[in-house]
PDB file of N, CA and C in Angstrom:
ATOM      1  N   MET A   1     -54.499  46.805  -0.211  1.00  0.00           N
ATOM      2  CA  MET A   1     -54.398  45.514  -0.857  1.00  0.00           C
ATOM      3  C   MET A   1     -53.138  45.447  -1.726  1.00  0.00           C
ATOM      4  N   THR A   2     -52.874  46.468  -2.472  1.00  0.00           N
ATOM      5  CA  THR A   2     -51.685  46.484  -3.326  1.00  0.00           C
ATOM      6  C   THR A   2     -50.409  46.500  -2.488  1.00  0.00           C
ATOM      7  N   ARG A   3     -50.514  47.139  -1.332  1.00  0.00           N
ATOM      8  CA  ARG A   3     -49.348  47.189  -0.436  1.00  0.00           C
ATOM      9  C   ARG A   3     -49.015  45.771   0.075  1.00  0.00           C
ATOM     10  N   LYS A   4     -50.035  44.988   0.446  1.00  0.00           N
ATOM     11  CA  LYS A   4     -49.816  43.617   0.904  1.00  0.00           C
ATOM     12  C   LYS A   4     -49.256  42.758  -0.236  1.00  0.00           C
ATOM     13  N   PHE A   5     -49.770  42.961  -1.412  1.00  0.00           N
ATOM     14  CA  PHE A   5     -49.289  42.220  -2.577  1.00  0.00           C
ATOM     15  C   PHE A   5     -47.818  42.559  -2.865  1.00  0.00           C
ATOM     16  N   PHE A   6     -47.474  43.807  -2.755  1.00  0.00           N
ATOM     17  CA  PHE A   6     -46.100  44.260  -2.977  1.00  0.00           C
ATOM     18  C   PHE A   6     -45.150  43.658  -1.932  1.00  0.00           C
ATOM     19  N   ILE A   7     -45.555  43.657  -0.679  1.00  0.00           N
ATOM     20  CA  ILE A   7     -44.737  43.092   0.402  1.00  0.00           C
ATOM     21  C   ILE A   7     -44.600  41.576   0.208  1.00  0.00           C
ATOM     22  N   LEU A   8     -45.668  40.912  -0.139  1.00  0.00           N
ATOM     23  CA  LEU A   8     -45.644  39.481  -0.387  1.00  0.00           C
ATOM     24  C   LEU A   8     -44.710  39.148  -1.559  1.00  0.00           C
ATOM     25  N   THR A   9     -44.759  39.925  -2.595  1.00  0.00           N
ATOM     26  CA  THR A   9     -43.896  39.721  -3.759  1.00  0.00           C
ATOM     27  C   THR A   9     -42.431  39.886  -3.379  1.00  0.00           C
ATOM     28  N   ILE A  10     -42.141  40.897  -2.615  1.00  0.00           N
ATOM     29  CA  ILE A  10     -40.755  41.126  -2.173  1.00  0.00           C
ATOM     30  C   ILE A  10     -40.281  39.971  -1.284  1.00  0.00           C
ATOM     31  N   LEU A  11     -41.105  39.496  -0.382  1.00  0.00           N
ATOM     32  CA  LEU A  11     -40.742  38.370   0.475  1.00  0.00           C
ATOM     33  C   LEU A  11     -40.490  37.101  -0.343  1.00  0.00           C
ATOM     34  N   ILE A  12     -41.334  36.856  -1.313  1.00  0.00           N
ATOM     35  CA  ILE A  12     -41.155  35.688  -2.176  1.00  0.00           C
ATOM     36  C   ILE A  12     -39.850  35.798  -2.956  1.00  0.00           C
ATOM     37  N   LEU A  13     -39.550  36.970  -3.443  1.00  0.00           N
ATOM     38  CA  LEU A  13     -38.302  37.179  -4.174  1.00  0.00           C
ATOM     39  C   LEU A  13     -37.079  36.969  -3.274  1.00  0.00           C
ATOM     40  N   ILE A  14     -37.149  37.459  -2.054  1.00  0.00           N
ATOM     41  CA  ILE A  14     -36.042  37.304  -1.113  1.00  0.00           C
ATOM     42  C   ILE A  14     -35.836  35.827  -0.775  1.00  0.00           C
ATOM     43  N   ILE A  15     -36.903  35.117  -0.498  1.00  0.00           N
ATOM     44  CA  ILE A  15     -36.808  33.697  -0.151  1.00  0.00           C
ATOM     45  C   ILE A  15     -36.292  32.883  -1.343  1.00  0.00           C
ATOM     46  N   SER A  16     -36.805  33.171  -2.514  1.00  0.00           N
ATOM     47  CA  SER A  16     -36.337  32.436  -3.701  1.00  0.00           C
ATOM     48  C   SER A  16     -34.861  32.736  -3.976  1.00  0.00           C
ATOM     49  N   THR A  17     -34.437  33.958  -3.751  1.00  0.00           N
ATOM     50  CA  THR A  17     -33.029  34.314  -3.935  1.00  0.00           C
ATOM     51  C   THR A  17     -32.144  33.547  -2.951  1.00  0.00           C
ATOM     52  N   ILE A  18     -32.571  33.450  -1.720  1.00  0.00           N
ATOM     53  CA  ILE A  18     -31.813  32.709  -0.707  1.00  0.00           C
ATOM     54  C   ILE A  18     -31.701  31.235  -1.101  1.00  0.00           C
ATOM     55  N   LEU A  19     -32.798  30.647  -1.522  1.00  0.00           N
ATOM     56  CA  LEU A  19     -32.785  29.241  -1.919  1.00  0.00           C
ATOM     57  C   LEU A  19     -31.889  28.998  -3.136  1.00  0.00           C
ATOM     58  N   ILE A  20     -31.986  29.884  -4.102  1.00  0.00           N
ATOM     59  CA  ILE A  20     -31.167  29.740  -5.310  1.00  0.00           C
ATOM     60  C   ILE A  20     -29.683  29.901  -4.985  1.00  0.00           C
ATOM     61  N   LYS A  21     -29.353  30.844  -4.133  1.00  0.00           N
ATOM     62  CA  LYS A  21     -27.952  31.055  -3.748  1.00  0.00           C
ATOM     63  C   LYS A  21     -27.391  29.834  -3.020  1.00  0.00           C
ATOM     64  N   ASN A  22     -28.155  29.277  -2.115  1.00  0.00           N
ATOM     65  CA  ASN A  22     -27.702  28.083  -1.395  1.00  0.00           C
ATOM     66  C   ASN A  22     -27.502  26.909  -2.351  1.00  0.00           C
ATOM     67  N   TYR A  23     -28.415  26.738  -3.255  1.00  0.00           N
ATOM     68  CA  TYR A  23     -28.318  25.645  -4.217  1.00  0.00           C
ATOM     69  C   TYR A  23     -27.093  25.824  -5.119  1.00  0.00           C
ATOM     70  N   THR A  24     -26.870  27.018  -5.614  1.00  0.00           N
ATOM     71  CA  THR A  24     -25.717  27.255  -6.482  1.00  0.00           C
ATOM     72  C   THR A  24     -24.400  27.133  -5.714  1.00  0.00           C
ATOM     73  N   LYS A  25     -24.407  27.494  -4.452  1.00  0.00           N
ATOM     74  CA  LYS A  25     -23.201  27.339  -3.642  1.00  0.00           C
ATOM     75  C   LYS A  25     -22.849  25.862  -3.496  1.00  0.00           C
ATOM     76  N   LYS A  26     -23.841  25.026  -3.239  1.00  0.00           N
ATOM     77  CA  LYS A  26     -23.603  23.591  -3.137  1.00  0.00           C
ATOM     78  C   LYS A  26     -23.119  23.023  -4.473  1.00  0.00           C
ATOM     79  N   LEU A  27     -23.705  23.494  -5.559  1.00  0.00           N
ATOM     80  CA  LEU A  27     -23.265  23.044  -6.880  1.00  0.00           C
ATOM     81  C   LEU A  27     -21.825  23.460  -7.155  1.00  0.00           C
ATOM     82  N   ASP A  28     -21.463  24.665  -6.790  1.00  0.00           N
ATOM     83  CA  ASP A  28     -20.090  25.137  -6.968  1.00  0.00           C
ATOM     84  C   ASP A  28     -19.110  24.294  -6.166  1.00  0.00           C
ATOM     85  N   GLU A  29     -19.482  23.918  -4.961  1.00  0.00           N
ATOM     86  CA  GLU A  29     -18.612  23.075  -4.136  1.00  0.00           C
ATOM     87  C   GLU A  29     -18.426  21.701  -4.780  1.00  0.00           C
ATOM     88  N   LYS A  30     -19.511  21.144  -5.305  1.00  0.00           N
ATOM     89  CA  LYS A  30     -19.412  19.846  -5.973  1.00  0.00           C
ATOM     90  C   LYS A  30     -18.538  19.951  -7.230  1.00  0.00           C
ATOM     91  N   ILE A  31     -18.730  21.004  -7.994  1.00  0.00           N
ATOM     92  CA  ILE A  31     -17.941  21.209  -9.211  1.00  0.00           C
ATOM     93  C   ILE A  31     -16.463  21.346  -8.861  1.00  0.00           C
ATOM     94  N   PHE A  32     -16.165  22.114  -7.825  1.00  0.00           N
ATOM     95  CA  PHE A  32     -14.779  22.284  -7.401  1.00  0.00           C
ATOM     96  C   PHE A  32     -14.175  20.953  -6.986  1.00  0.00           C
ATOM     97  N   SER A  33     -14.924  20.176  -6.236  1.00  0.00           N
ATOM     98  CA  SER A  33     -14.437  18.873  -5.784  1.00  0.00           C
ATOM     99  C   SER A  33     -14.155  17.949  -6.971  1.00  0.00           C
ATOM    100  N   VAL A  34     -15.048  17.921  -7.914  1.00  0.00           N
ATOM    101  CA  VAL A  34     -14.864  17.068  -9.092  1.00  0.00           C
ATOM    102  C   VAL A  34     -13.657  17.543  -9.908  1.00  0.00           C
ATOM    103  N   LYS A  35     -13.494  18.849 -10.068  1.00  0.00           N
ATOM    104  CA  LYS A  35     -12.346  19.380 -10.806  1.00  0.00           C
ATOM    105  C   LYS A  35     -11.034  19.031 -10.110  1.00  0.00           C
ATOM    106  N   GLU A  36     -11.013  19.116  -8.796  1.00  0.00           N
ATOM    107  CA  GLU A  36      -9.802  18.766  -8.056  1.00  0.00           C
ATOM    108  C   GLU A  36      -9.477  17.285  -8.222  1.00  0.00           C
ATOM    109  N   ASN A  37     -10.487  16.445  -8.179  1.00  0.00           N
ATOM    110  CA  ASN A  37     -10.270  15.013  -8.391  1.00  0.00           C
ATOM    111  C   ASN A  37      -9.753  14.734  -9.800  1.00  0.00           C
ATOM    112  N   ILE A  38     -10.303  15.427 -10.768  1.00  0.00           N
ATOM    113  CA  ILE A  38      -9.854  15.261 -12.155  1.00  0.00           C
ATOM    114  C   ILE A  38      -8.402  15.708 -12.289  1.00  0.00           C
ATOM    115  N   ASN A  39      -8.041  16.828 -11.683  1.00  0.00           N
ATOM    116  CA  ASN A  39      -6.662  17.312 -11.747  1.00  0.00           C
ATOM    117  C   ASN A  39      -5.705  16.324 -11.096  1.00  0.00           C
ATOM    118  N   TYR A  40      -6.100  15.804  -9.954  1.00  0.00           N
ATOM    119  CA  TYR A  40      -5.260  14.832  -9.252  1.00  0.00           C
ATOM    120  C   TYR A  40      -5.063  13.579 -10.097  1.00  0.00           C
ATOM    121  N   LEU A  41      -6.149  13.052 -10.647  1.00  0.00           N
ATOM    122  CA  LEU A  41      -6.055  11.836 -11.453  1.00  0.00           C
ATOM    123  C   LEU A  41      -5.269  12.078 -12.743  1.00  0.00           C
ATOM    124  N   THR A  42      -5.400  13.257 -13.303  1.00  0.00           N
ATOM    125  CA  THR A  42      -4.649  13.594 -14.500  1.00  0.00           C
ATOM    126  C   THR A  42      -3.157  13.639 -14.205  1.00  0.00           C
ATOM    127  N   SER A  43      -2.794  14.217 -13.080  1.00  0.00           N
ATOM    128  CA  SER A  43      -1.370  14.275 -12.732  1.00  0.00           C
ATOM    129  C   SER A  43      -0.815  12.875 -12.480  1.00  0.00           C
ATOM    130  N   ILE A  44      -1.592  12.024 -11.838  1.00  0.00           N
ATOM    131  CA  ILE A  44      -1.146  10.643 -11.613  1.00  0.00           C
ATOM    132  C   ILE A  44      -1.013   9.911 -12.947  1.00  0.00           C
ATOM    133  N   GLU A  45      -1.960  10.130 -13.832  1.00  0.00           N
ATOM    134  CA  GLU A  45      -1.896   9.487 -15.143  1.00  0.00           C
ATOM    135  C   GLU A  45      -0.640   9.919 -15.898  1.00  0.00           C
ATOM    136  N   GLU A  46      -0.319  11.199 -15.848  1.00  0.00           N
ATOM    137  CA  GLU A  46       0.876  11.688 -16.522  1.00  0.00           C
ATOM    138  C   GLU A  46       2.146  11.077 -15.932  1.00  0.00           C
ATOM    139  N   LEU A  47       2.176  10.944 -14.612  1.00  0.00           N
ATOM    140  CA  LEU A  47       3.345  10.331 -13.981  1.00  0.00           C
ATOM    141  C   LEU A  47       3.494   8.864 -14.362  1.00  0.00           C
ATOM    142  N   VAL A  48       2.387   8.167 -14.403  1.00  0.00           N
ATOM    143  CA  VAL A  48       2.431   6.750 -14.778  1.00  0.00           C
ATOM    144  C   VAL A  48       2.865   6.599 -16.230  1.00  0.00           C
ATOM    145  N   LYS A  49       2.348   7.446 -17.101  1.00  0.00           N
ATOM    146  CA  LYS A  49       2.757   7.401 -18.509  1.00  0.00           C
ATOM    147  C   LYS A  49       4.247   7.693 -18.648  1.00  0.00           C
ATOM    148  N   LEU A  50       4.704   8.694 -17.927  1.00  0.00           N
ATOM    149  CA  LEU A  50       6.119   9.035 -17.978  1.00  0.00           C
ATOM    150  C   LEU A  50       6.981   7.880 -17.492  1.00  0.00           C
ATOM    151  N   GLU A  51       6.584   7.295 -16.395  1.00  0.00           N
ATOM    152  CA  GLU A  51       7.332   6.163 -15.851  1.00  0.00           C
ATOM    153  C   GLU A  51       7.341   5.002 -16.835  1.00  0.00           C
ATOM    154  N   HIS A  52       6.201   4.718 -17.419  1.00  0.00           N
ATOM    155  CA  HIS A  52       6.115   3.623 -18.381  1.00  0.00           C
ATOM    156  C   HIS A  52       6.985   3.907 -19.599  1.00  0.00           C
ATOM    157  N   ASP A  53       6.889   5.092 -20.148  1.00  0.00           N
ATOM    158  CA  ASP A  53       7.677   5.437 -21.328  1.00  0.00           C
ATOM    159  C   ASP A  53       9.169   5.428 -21.021  1.00  0.00           C
ATOM    160  N   TYR A  54       9.510   5.906 -19.858  1.00  0.00           N
ATOM    161  CA  TYR A  54      10.911   6.002 -19.490  1.00  0.00           C
ATOM    162  C   TYR A  54      11.518   4.635 -19.212  1.00  0.00           C
ATOM    163  N   LEU A  55      10.783   3.796 -18.509  1.00  0.00           N
ATOM    164  CA  LEU A  55      11.328   2.509 -18.107  1.00  0.00           C
ATOM    165  C   LEU A  55      11.126   1.400 -19.135  1.00  0.00           C
ATOM    166  N   SER A  56      10.236   1.593 -20.069  1.00  0.00           N
ATOM    167  CA  SER A  56       9.934   0.495 -20.981  1.00  0.00           C
ATOM    168  C   SER A  56      10.803   0.494 -22.234  1.00  0.00           C
ATOM    169  N   SER A  57      11.550   1.531 -22.462  1.00  0.00           N
ATOM    170  CA  SER A  57      12.391   1.519 -23.656  1.00  0.00           C
ATOM    171  C   SER A  57      13.597   0.612 -23.420  1.00  0.00           C
ATOM    172  N   PRO A  58      13.933  -0.220 -24.369  1.00  0.00           N
ATOM    173  CA  PRO A  58      15.054  -1.155 -24.202  1.00  0.00           C
ATOM    174  C   PRO A  58      16.385  -0.446 -23.953  1.00  0.00           C
ATOM    175  N   SER A  59      16.585   0.680 -24.596  1.00  0.00           N
ATOM    176  CA  SER A  59      17.854   1.381 -24.386  1.00  0.00           C
ATOM    177  C   SER A  59      17.979   1.873 -22.953  1.00  0.00           C
ATOM    178  N   LYS A  60      16.884   2.322 -22.380  1.00  0.00           N
ATOM    179  CA  LYS A  60      16.925   2.763 -20.982  1.00  0.00           C
ATOM    180  C   LYS A  60      17.179   1.592 -20.044  1.00  0.00           C
ATOM    181  N   LEU A  61      16.574   0.457 -20.336  1.00  0.00           N
ATOM    182  CA  LEU A  61      16.800  -0.709 -19.500  1.00  0.00           C
ATOM    183  C   LEU A  61      18.265  -1.150 -19.558  1.00  0.00           C
ATOM    184  N   LEU A  62      18.836  -1.096 -20.724  1.00  0.00           N
ATOM    185  CA  LEU A  62      20.260  -1.428 -20.836  1.00  0.00           C
ATOM    186  C   LEU A  62      21.132  -0.412 -20.113  1.00  0.00           C
ATOM    187  N   ASP A  63      20.752   0.840 -20.205  1.00  0.00           N
ATOM    188  CA  ASP A  63      21.498   1.883 -19.478  1.00  0.00           C
ATOM    189  C   ASP A  63      21.423   1.651 -17.972  1.00  0.00           C
ATOM    190  N   PHE A  64      20.256   1.314 -17.478  1.00  0.00           N
ATOM    191  CA  PHE A  64      20.112   1.040 -16.045  1.00  0.00           C
ATOM    192  C   PHE A  64      20.917  -0.189 -15.634  1.00  0.00           C
ATOM    193  N   TYR A  65      20.878  -1.175 -16.501  1.00  0.00           N
ATOM    194  CA  TYR A  65      21.655  -2.387 -16.207  1.00  0.00           C
ATOM    195  C   TYR A  65      23.136  -2.042 -16.075  1.00  0.00           C
ATOM    196  N   ASN A  66      23.642  -1.302 -17.027  1.00  0.00           N
ATOM    197  CA  ASN A  66      25.063  -0.935 -16.989  1.00  0.00           C
ATOM    198  C   ASN A  66      25.387   0.010 -15.839  1.00  0.00           C
ATOM    199  N   LEU A  67      24.466   0.873 -15.523  1.00  0.00           N
ATOM    200  CA  LEU A  67      24.708   1.857 -14.472  1.00  0.00           C
ATOM    201  C   LEU A  67      24.659   1.244 -13.078  1.00  0.00           C
ATOM    202  N   TYR A  68      23.653   0.417 -12.818  1.00  0.00           N
ATOM    203  CA  TYR A  68      23.435  -0.059 -11.449  1.00  0.00           C
ATOM    204  C   TYR A  68      23.949  -1.464 -11.172  1.00  0.00           C
ATOM    205  N   PHE A  69      23.908  -2.347 -12.170  1.00  0.00           N
ATOM    206  CA  PHE A  69      24.223  -3.738 -11.895  1.00  0.00           C
ATOM    207  C   PHE A  69      25.621  -4.143 -12.373  1.00  0.00           C
ATOM    208  N   ASP A  70      26.076  -3.601 -13.442  1.00  0.00           N
ATOM    209  CA  ASP A  70      27.431  -3.785 -13.927  1.00  0.00           C
ATOM    210  C   ASP A  70      27.889  -5.239 -13.825  1.00  0.00           C
ATOM    211  N   ASN A  71      27.262  -6.086 -14.609  1.00  0.00           N
ATOM    212  CA  ASN A  71      27.598  -7.521 -14.713  1.00  0.00           C
ATOM    213  C   ASN A  71      27.300  -8.320 -13.449  1.00  0.00           C
ATOM    214  N   GLU A  72      26.431  -7.859 -12.628  1.00  0.00           N
ATOM    215  CA  GLU A  72      26.030  -8.624 -11.443  1.00  0.00           C
ATOM    216  C   GLU A  72      24.871  -9.562 -11.743  1.00  0.00           C
ATOM    217  N   LEU A  73      24.133  -9.305 -12.779  1.00  0.00           N
ATOM    218  CA  LEU A  73      22.985 -10.140 -13.122  1.00  0.00           C
ATOM    219  C   LEU A  73      23.431 -11.295 -13.997  1.00  0.00           C
ATOM    220  N   LYS A  74      22.787 -12.436 -13.805  1.00  0.00           N
ATOM    221  CA  LYS A  74      23.126 -13.628 -14.573  1.00  0.00           C
ATOM    222  C   LYS A  74      21.883 -14.132 -15.290  1.00  0.00           C
ATOM    223  N   TYR A  75      22.125 -14.770 -16.411  1.00  0.00           N
ATOM    224  CA  TYR A  75      21.040 -15.336 -17.194  1.00  0.00           C
ATOM    225  C   TYR A  75      20.562 -16.634 -16.534  1.00  0.00           C
ATOM    226  N   THR A  76      19.239 -16.802 -16.456  1.00  0.00           N
ATOM    227  CA  THR A  76      18.649 -18.011 -15.893  1.00  0.00           C
ATOM    228  C   THR A  76      17.536 -18.491 -16.817  1.00  0.00           C
ATOM    229  N   LEU A  77      17.497 -19.774 -17.006  1.00  0.00           N
ATOM    230  CA  LEU A  77      16.424 -20.341 -17.824  1.00  0.00           C
ATOM    231  C   LEU A  77      15.093 -20.222 -17.092  1.00  0.00           C
ATOM    232  N   LYS A  78      14.058 -20.131 -17.871  1.00  0.00           N
ATOM    233  CA  LYS A  78      12.727 -19.978 -17.288  1.00  0.00           C
ATOM    234  C   LYS A  78      12.339 -21.187 -16.434  1.00  0.00           C
ATOM    235  N   LYS A  79      12.744 -22.365 -16.830  1.00  0.00           N
ATOM    236  CA  LYS A  79      12.379 -23.569 -16.068  1.00  0.00           C
ATOM    237  C   LYS A  79      13.072 -23.618 -14.712  1.00  0.00           C
ATOM    238  N   ASN A  80      14.152 -22.861 -14.544  1.00  0.00           N
ATOM    239  CA  ASN A  80      14.878 -22.850 -13.272  1.00  0.00           C
ATOM    240  C   ASN A  80      14.324 -21.830 -12.273  1.00  0.00           C
ATOM    241  N   ILE A  81      13.397 -21.030 -12.707  1.00  0.00           N
ATOM    242  CA  ILE A  81      12.811 -20.021 -11.828  1.00  0.00           C
ATOM    243  C   ILE A  81      11.690 -20.649 -11.024  1.00  0.00           C
ATOM    244  N   GLN A  82      11.729 -20.467  -9.716  1.00  0.00           N
ATOM    245  CA  GLN A  82      10.713 -21.035  -8.836  1.00  0.00           C
ATOM    246  C   GLN A  82       9.878 -19.918  -8.214  1.00  0.00           C
ATOM    247  N   ILE A  83       8.617 -20.215  -7.999  1.00  0.00           N
ATOM    248  CA  ILE A  83       7.740 -19.283  -7.300  1.00  0.00           C
ATOM    249  C   ILE A  83       7.742 -19.653  -5.833  1.00  0.00           C
ATOM    250  N   ILE A  84       8.087 -18.700  -5.010  1.00  0.00           N
ATOM    251  CA  ILE A  84       8.196 -18.952  -3.573  1.00  0.00           C
ATOM    252  C   ILE A  84       6.948 -18.409  -2.889  1.00  0.00           C
ATOM    253  N   THR A  85       6.251 -19.293  -2.221  1.00  0.00           N
ATOM    254  CA  THR A  85       5.060 -18.868  -1.492  1.00  0.00           C
ATOM    255  C   THR A  85       5.307 -18.808  -0.001  1.00  0.00           C
ATOM    256  N   ASP A  86       6.370 -19.457   0.440  1.00  0.00           N
ATOM    257  CA  ASP A  86       6.696 -19.472   1.856  1.00  0.00           C
ATOM    258  C   ASP A  86       8.179 -19.153   2.004  1.00  0.00           C
ATOM    259  N   ILE A  87       8.524 -18.279   2.904  1.00  0.00           N
ATOM    260  CA  ILE A  87       9.910 -17.864   3.101  1.00  0.00           C
ATOM    261  C   ILE A  87      10.786 -19.025   3.549  1.00  0.00           C
ATOM    262  N   ASN A  88      10.212 -20.033   4.154  1.00  0.00           N
ATOM    263  CA  ASN A  88      10.981 -21.194   4.623  1.00  0.00           C
ATOM    264  C   ASN A  88      11.409 -22.099   3.474  1.00  0.00           C
ATOM    265  N   GLN A  89      10.844 -21.903   2.297  1.00  0.00           N
ATOM    266  CA  GLN A  89      11.196 -22.727   1.141  1.00  0.00           C
ATOM    267  C   GLN A  89      12.504 -22.305   0.479  1.00  0.00           C
ATOM    268  N   ILE A  90      13.031 -21.175   0.829  1.00  0.00           N
ATOM    269  CA  ILE A  90      14.222 -20.648   0.166  1.00  0.00           C
ATOM    270  C   ILE A  90      15.444 -21.467   0.566  1.00  0.00           C
ATOM    271  N   ASP A  91      16.192 -21.890  -0.448  1.00  0.00           N
ATOM    272  CA  ASP A  91      17.419 -22.651  -0.222  1.00  0.00           C
ATOM    273  C   ASP A  91      18.593 -21.697  -0.398  1.00  0.00           C
ATOM    274  N   PHE A  92      19.148 -21.208   0.693  1.00  0.00           N
ATOM    275  CA  PHE A  92      20.219 -20.233   0.646  1.00  0.00           C
ATOM    276  C   PHE A  92      21.569 -20.867   0.355  1.00  0.00           C
ATOM    277  N   LYS A  93      21.681 -22.157   0.490  1.00  0.00           N
ATOM    278  CA  LYS A  93      22.957 -22.824   0.270  1.00  0.00           C
ATOM    279  C   LYS A  93      23.287 -22.949  -1.218  1.00  0.00           C
ATOM    280  N   ASN A  94      22.255 -23.036  -2.027  1.00  0.00           N
ATOM    281  CA  ASN A  94      22.452 -23.313  -3.443  1.00  0.00           C
ATOM    282  C   ASN A  94      22.232 -22.070  -4.309  1.00  0.00           C
ATOM    283  N   THR A  95      22.756 -20.949  -3.919  1.00  0.00           N
ATOM    284  CA  THR A  95      22.603 -19.721  -4.709  1.00  0.00           C
ATOM    285  C   THR A  95      23.936 -19.370  -5.342  1.00  0.00           C
ATOM    286  N   ASP A  96      24.037 -19.580  -6.643  1.00  0.00           N
ATOM    287  CA  ASP A  96      25.266 -19.249  -7.379  1.00  0.00           C
ATOM    288  C   ASP A  96      25.037 -18.072  -8.261  1.00  0.00           C
TER     289      ASP A  96
END
């Protein structure tokens, strides 16, 4: 009787160990996936912050203007700006 009890106990321990290992393996995979997503989103956030900080400073905008456009841009009043919803609406003859 004690021998059967001992064998039964060992079998229960083996089965419970297998179940626990499988469960923890799945949890580890989920944790890894979530950590990877967090790392990816963190890196994107840092890039966006860097881009915003770099491009939003007025001195940088003036530097870019001088570097790339060099007096090619012209001042336009807000009332003269049109929103184009159709490419056929563009008047190419009147662009000064």
